[in-house]
N, C-alpha and C. Protein backbone atom coordinates (compact mmCIF):
# COMPACT_ATOMS: atom_id res chain seq x y z
N MET A 1 103.33 95.75 81.15
CA MET A 1 102.06 95.91 81.81
C MET A 1 101.27 97.02 81.12
N LEU A 2 99.99 96.80 81.03
CA LEU A 2 99.11 97.75 80.37
C LEU A 2 99.13 99.12 81.05
N PHE A 3 99.20 99.13 82.37
CA PHE A 3 99.25 100.39 83.12
C PHE A 3 100.41 101.26 82.65
N GLU A 4 101.59 100.67 82.50
CA GLU A 4 102.76 101.43 82.07
C GLU A 4 102.62 101.93 80.64
N ILE A 5 102.03 101.11 79.78
CA ILE A 5 101.83 101.54 78.38
C ILE A 5 100.88 102.73 78.33
N VAL A 6 99.75 102.62 79.01
CA VAL A 6 98.77 103.71 79.03
C VAL A 6 99.39 104.99 79.58
N ASN A 7 100.09 104.89 80.70
CA ASN A 7 100.70 106.08 81.29
C ASN A 7 101.80 106.64 80.42
N GLY A 8 102.57 105.77 79.78
CA GLY A 8 103.63 106.25 78.87
C GLY A 8 103.06 106.99 77.67
N VAL A 9 102.04 106.43 77.05
CA VAL A 9 101.43 107.06 75.87
C VAL A 9 100.73 108.36 76.27
N MET A 10 99.98 108.34 77.36
CA MET A 10 99.22 109.52 77.77
C MET A 10 100.12 110.66 78.27
N SER A 11 101.35 110.35 78.65
CA SER A 11 102.28 111.36 79.14
C SER A 11 103.07 112.01 78.01
N ARG A 12 102.93 111.51 76.83
CA ARG A 12 103.67 112.04 75.68
C ARG A 12 103.11 113.39 75.25
N VAL A 13 103.97 114.24 74.72
CA VAL A 13 103.53 115.53 74.19
C VAL A 13 102.64 115.32 72.96
N ASP A 14 102.96 114.30 72.18
CA ASP A 14 102.21 114.00 70.96
C ASP A 14 101.21 112.86 71.18
N ARG A 15 100.57 112.82 72.34
CA ARG A 15 99.71 111.69 72.68
C ARG A 15 98.54 111.52 71.72
N ASP A 16 97.98 112.61 71.20
CA ASP A 16 96.87 112.47 70.25
C ASP A 16 97.31 111.69 69.01
N GLU A 17 98.50 111.98 68.54
CA GLU A 17 99.05 111.25 67.40
C GLU A 17 99.41 109.81 67.79
N ALA A 18 100.01 109.63 68.95
CA ALA A 18 100.40 108.29 69.40
C ALA A 18 99.19 107.39 69.62
N LEU A 19 98.06 107.98 70.04
CA LEU A 19 96.85 107.18 70.28
C LEU A 19 96.20 106.69 69.00
N GLN A 20 96.66 107.17 67.86
CA GLN A 20 96.13 106.69 66.59
C GLN A 20 96.67 105.30 66.24
N ILE A 21 97.73 104.89 66.93
CA ILE A 21 98.32 103.57 66.72
C ILE A 21 97.68 102.61 67.72
N PRO A 22 96.89 101.65 67.26
CA PRO A 22 96.25 100.72 68.20
C PRO A 22 97.25 99.76 68.83
N PHE A 23 96.98 99.36 70.05
CA PHE A 23 97.78 98.30 70.67
C PHE A 23 96.83 97.22 71.15
N ALA A 24 97.36 96.01 71.27
CA ALA A 24 96.53 94.84 71.53
C ALA A 24 96.74 94.31 72.94
N ILE A 25 95.69 93.65 73.44
CA ILE A 25 95.74 93.03 74.75
C ILE A 25 95.44 91.55 74.58
N VAL A 26 96.41 90.71 74.91
CA VAL A 26 96.19 89.26 74.90
C VAL A 26 96.33 88.81 76.35
N PRO A 27 95.23 88.34 76.97
CA PRO A 27 95.27 87.99 78.39
C PRO A 27 96.18 86.80 78.68
N CYS A 28 97.02 86.98 79.69
CA CYS A 28 97.95 85.90 80.05
C CYS A 28 98.00 85.66 81.55
N GLY A 29 97.25 86.39 82.32
CA GLY A 29 97.32 86.25 83.77
C GLY A 29 95.94 86.21 84.38
N SER A 30 95.87 86.59 85.64
CA SER A 30 94.58 86.52 86.34
C SER A 30 93.82 87.84 86.29
N GLY A 31 94.48 88.95 86.05
CA GLY A 31 93.81 90.24 86.00
C GLY A 31 93.53 90.66 84.57
N ASN A 32 92.48 90.14 83.99
CA ASN A 32 92.21 90.37 82.58
C ASN A 32 90.91 91.12 82.32
N ALA A 33 90.54 92.02 83.21
CA ALA A 33 89.27 92.72 83.08
C ALA A 33 89.21 93.59 81.83
N VAL A 34 90.30 94.22 81.46
CA VAL A 34 90.30 95.07 80.27
C VAL A 34 90.10 94.20 79.03
N SER A 35 90.82 93.11 78.95
CA SER A 35 90.66 92.20 77.82
C SER A 35 89.23 91.64 77.77
N SER A 36 88.68 91.32 78.93
CA SER A 36 87.31 90.83 79.00
C SER A 36 86.33 91.88 78.50
N SER A 37 86.55 93.12 78.86
CA SER A 37 85.69 94.22 78.41
C SER A 37 85.76 94.38 76.89
N VAL A 38 86.95 94.31 76.34
CA VAL A 38 87.12 94.42 74.89
C VAL A 38 86.42 93.25 74.19
N SER A 39 86.61 92.04 74.71
CA SER A 39 85.95 90.87 74.13
C SER A 39 84.43 91.04 74.15
N TYR A 40 83.91 91.53 75.25
CA TYR A 40 82.47 91.74 75.38
C TYR A 40 81.96 92.75 74.34
N GLN A 41 82.68 93.86 74.18
CA GLN A 41 82.28 94.87 73.21
C GLN A 41 82.27 94.34 71.78
N LEU A 42 83.18 93.40 71.51
CA LEU A 42 83.28 92.82 70.16
C LEU A 42 82.46 91.54 70.01
N LYS A 43 81.71 91.19 71.08
CA LYS A 43 80.88 89.97 71.08
C LYS A 43 81.71 88.72 70.80
N GLU A 44 82.88 88.67 71.40
CA GLU A 44 83.79 87.53 71.30
C GLU A 44 83.85 86.83 72.65
N THR A 45 84.13 85.54 72.65
CA THR A 45 84.35 84.80 73.89
C THR A 45 85.70 85.22 74.45
N HIS A 46 85.75 85.45 75.76
CA HIS A 46 86.99 85.89 76.39
C HIS A 46 87.94 84.71 76.56
N HIS A 47 88.94 84.66 75.72
CA HIS A 47 89.94 83.59 75.73
C HIS A 47 91.19 84.11 75.00
N PRO A 48 92.39 83.71 75.43
CA PRO A 48 93.61 84.21 74.77
C PRO A 48 93.63 84.00 73.26
N SER A 49 93.16 82.85 72.78
CA SER A 49 93.19 82.63 71.33
C SER A 49 92.23 83.58 70.61
N ASN A 50 91.08 83.85 71.21
CA ASN A 50 90.15 84.80 70.61
C ASN A 50 90.71 86.22 70.64
N ALA A 51 91.40 86.56 71.72
CA ALA A 51 92.02 87.88 71.82
C ALA A 51 93.08 88.06 70.72
N ALA A 52 93.85 87.02 70.47
CA ALA A 52 94.84 87.08 69.39
C ALA A 52 94.15 87.22 68.04
N PHE A 53 93.03 86.53 67.86
CA PHE A 53 92.26 86.61 66.62
C PHE A 53 91.72 88.03 66.43
N VAL A 54 91.24 88.65 67.50
CA VAL A 54 90.74 90.02 67.44
C VAL A 54 91.87 90.96 67.01
N CYS A 55 93.07 90.73 67.50
CA CYS A 55 94.23 91.54 67.11
C CYS A 55 94.49 91.44 65.61
N VAL A 56 94.42 90.24 65.10
CA VAL A 56 94.68 90.01 63.68
C VAL A 56 93.58 90.64 62.82
N LYS A 57 92.33 90.59 63.31
CA LYS A 57 91.22 91.18 62.56
C LYS A 57 91.35 92.70 62.49
N GLY A 58 92.04 93.28 63.45
CA GLY A 58 92.27 94.72 63.42
C GLY A 58 91.03 95.55 63.66
N LYS A 59 90.25 95.19 64.67
CA LYS A 59 89.07 95.97 65.03
C LYS A 59 89.32 96.67 66.36
N PRO A 60 89.88 97.87 66.33
CA PRO A 60 90.16 98.55 67.60
C PRO A 60 88.88 98.96 68.33
N VAL A 61 88.98 99.02 69.64
CA VAL A 61 87.88 99.43 70.51
C VAL A 61 88.37 100.62 71.33
N ASP A 62 87.57 101.68 71.35
CA ASP A 62 87.93 102.84 72.17
C ASP A 62 87.71 102.53 73.64
N LEU A 63 88.62 103.00 74.48
CA LEU A 63 88.50 102.86 75.93
C LEU A 63 88.56 104.24 76.56
N ASP A 64 87.78 104.44 77.60
CA ASP A 64 87.83 105.69 78.34
C ASP A 64 89.09 105.72 79.20
N VAL A 65 89.71 106.88 79.30
CA VAL A 65 90.90 107.05 80.11
C VAL A 65 90.61 108.10 81.18
N MET A 66 90.96 107.78 82.41
CA MET A 66 90.76 108.68 83.53
C MET A 66 92.11 109.27 83.92
N GLU A 67 92.14 110.59 84.16
CA GLU A 67 93.37 111.26 84.61
C GLU A 67 93.21 111.61 86.08
N ILE A 68 94.21 111.23 86.88
CA ILE A 68 94.19 111.49 88.31
C ILE A 68 95.40 112.34 88.66
N GLN A 69 95.18 113.45 89.34
CA GLN A 69 96.27 114.33 89.75
C GLN A 69 96.25 114.51 91.26
N GLY A 70 97.41 114.45 91.86
CA GLY A 70 97.51 114.68 93.29
C GLY A 70 98.95 114.63 93.75
N ASN A 71 99.27 115.42 94.75
CA ASN A 71 100.64 115.48 95.29
C ASN A 71 101.68 115.72 94.22
N GLY A 72 101.34 116.55 93.24
CA GLY A 72 102.29 116.87 92.18
C GLY A 72 102.52 115.74 91.19
N GLN A 73 101.68 114.74 91.21
CA GLN A 73 101.84 113.58 90.34
C GLN A 73 100.58 113.39 89.50
N LYS A 74 100.75 112.95 88.27
CA LYS A 74 99.63 112.68 87.39
C LYS A 74 99.74 111.25 86.88
N VAL A 75 98.66 110.49 87.01
CA VAL A 75 98.61 109.13 86.49
C VAL A 75 97.32 108.95 85.71
N PHE A 76 97.29 107.94 84.87
CA PHE A 76 96.13 107.64 84.05
C PHE A 76 95.67 106.22 84.32
N SER A 77 94.38 106.00 84.18
CA SER A 77 93.80 104.69 84.42
C SER A 77 92.73 104.40 83.38
N ILE A 78 92.61 103.13 82.97
CA ILE A 78 91.58 102.79 82.00
C ILE A 78 90.51 101.86 82.57
N LEU A 79 90.68 101.39 83.78
CA LEU A 79 89.71 100.45 84.30
C LEU A 79 89.26 100.78 85.71
N SER A 80 90.20 101.05 86.57
CA SER A 80 89.83 101.27 87.97
C SER A 80 90.85 102.17 88.64
N LEU A 81 90.46 102.62 89.81
CA LEU A 81 91.34 103.45 90.62
C LEU A 81 91.25 102.93 92.04
N ALA A 82 92.37 102.72 92.66
CA ALA A 82 92.38 102.25 94.04
C ALA A 82 93.39 103.08 94.82
N TRP A 83 93.09 103.27 96.07
CA TRP A 83 93.99 104.02 96.92
C TRP A 83 94.24 103.19 98.16
N GLY A 84 95.46 102.98 98.49
CA GLY A 84 95.81 102.15 99.64
C GLY A 84 95.80 102.95 100.93
N LEU A 85 94.60 103.27 101.41
CA LEU A 85 94.48 104.07 102.63
C LEU A 85 95.19 103.42 103.81
N LEU A 86 94.95 102.12 104.01
CA LEU A 86 95.57 101.45 105.15
C LEU A 86 97.10 101.42 105.03
N ALA A 87 97.58 101.19 103.82
CA ALA A 87 99.03 101.20 103.62
C ALA A 87 99.59 102.59 103.88
N GLU A 88 98.86 103.61 103.46
CA GLU A 88 99.29 104.99 103.68
C GLU A 88 99.37 105.30 105.18
N ILE A 89 98.34 104.90 105.92
CA ILE A 89 98.32 105.11 107.38
C ILE A 89 99.47 104.35 108.04
N ASP A 90 99.69 103.12 107.60
CA ASP A 90 100.75 102.30 108.18
C ASP A 90 102.11 102.96 107.97
N MET A 91 102.35 103.44 106.78
CA MET A 91 103.65 104.06 106.48
C MET A 91 103.84 105.36 107.26
N LYS A 92 102.79 106.18 107.31
CA LYS A 92 102.92 107.47 107.99
C LYS A 92 102.98 107.33 109.51
N SER A 93 102.51 106.21 110.05
CA SER A 93 102.51 106.04 111.50
C SER A 93 103.74 105.29 112.00
N GLU A 94 104.63 104.94 111.13
CA GLU A 94 105.81 104.15 111.53
C GLU A 94 106.61 104.83 112.63
N ALA A 95 106.75 106.13 112.58
CA ALA A 95 107.53 106.85 113.59
C ALA A 95 106.85 106.82 114.97
N LEU A 96 105.55 106.46 114.98
CA LEU A 96 104.81 106.41 116.24
C LEU A 96 104.61 104.98 116.74
N ARG A 97 105.40 104.07 116.26
CA ARG A 97 105.25 102.66 116.60
C ARG A 97 105.25 102.41 118.12
N HIS A 98 105.99 103.20 118.83
CA HIS A 98 106.07 103.03 120.30
C HIS A 98 104.72 103.26 121.00
N LEU A 99 103.75 103.83 120.30
CA LEU A 99 102.41 104.06 120.89
C LEU A 99 101.49 102.86 120.73
N GLY A 100 101.98 101.82 120.07
CA GLY A 100 101.16 100.63 119.86
C GLY A 100 100.02 100.91 118.88
N PRO A 101 98.89 100.22 119.02
CA PRO A 101 97.77 100.37 118.08
C PRO A 101 97.20 101.79 118.02
N ALA A 102 97.42 102.60 119.04
CA ALA A 102 96.91 103.97 119.03
C ALA A 102 97.51 104.79 117.89
N ARG A 103 98.67 104.38 117.40
CA ARG A 103 99.32 105.13 116.33
C ARG A 103 98.46 105.21 115.09
N PHE A 104 97.66 104.17 114.84
CA PHE A 104 96.82 104.16 113.65
C PHE A 104 95.71 105.21 113.74
N MET A 105 95.14 105.38 114.92
CA MET A 105 94.09 106.38 115.11
C MET A 105 94.64 107.80 114.98
N LEU A 106 95.87 108.00 115.42
CA LEU A 106 96.48 109.32 115.35
C LEU A 106 96.78 109.72 113.90
N CYS A 107 97.03 108.76 113.05
CA CYS A 107 97.40 109.06 111.66
C CYS A 107 96.23 108.94 110.69
N PHE A 108 95.07 108.57 111.17
CA PHE A 108 93.92 108.40 110.29
C PHE A 108 93.34 109.72 109.88
């Protein structure tokens, strides 16, 4: 997964050197926004075969990287950031399940 690659490279002590090595994105699933963005920047049609062709041509595209820090943890993102507020409330309110729906308001 691209997320793991980005976080692995950005967490390295020698990340500036490691970032000099380009890596390729060939879309194979439904979440291909990064690949679509790269295709758009290179004025290519967004399709797996075109993405493979872009890899062979060797035209790297710079991407912005966002660093997020919180709760003693650091993660990196290149496209979006999402926070599961409802999931967080659900998990933290589990001990209050006996209060019924009111538990969600207490943990919000």
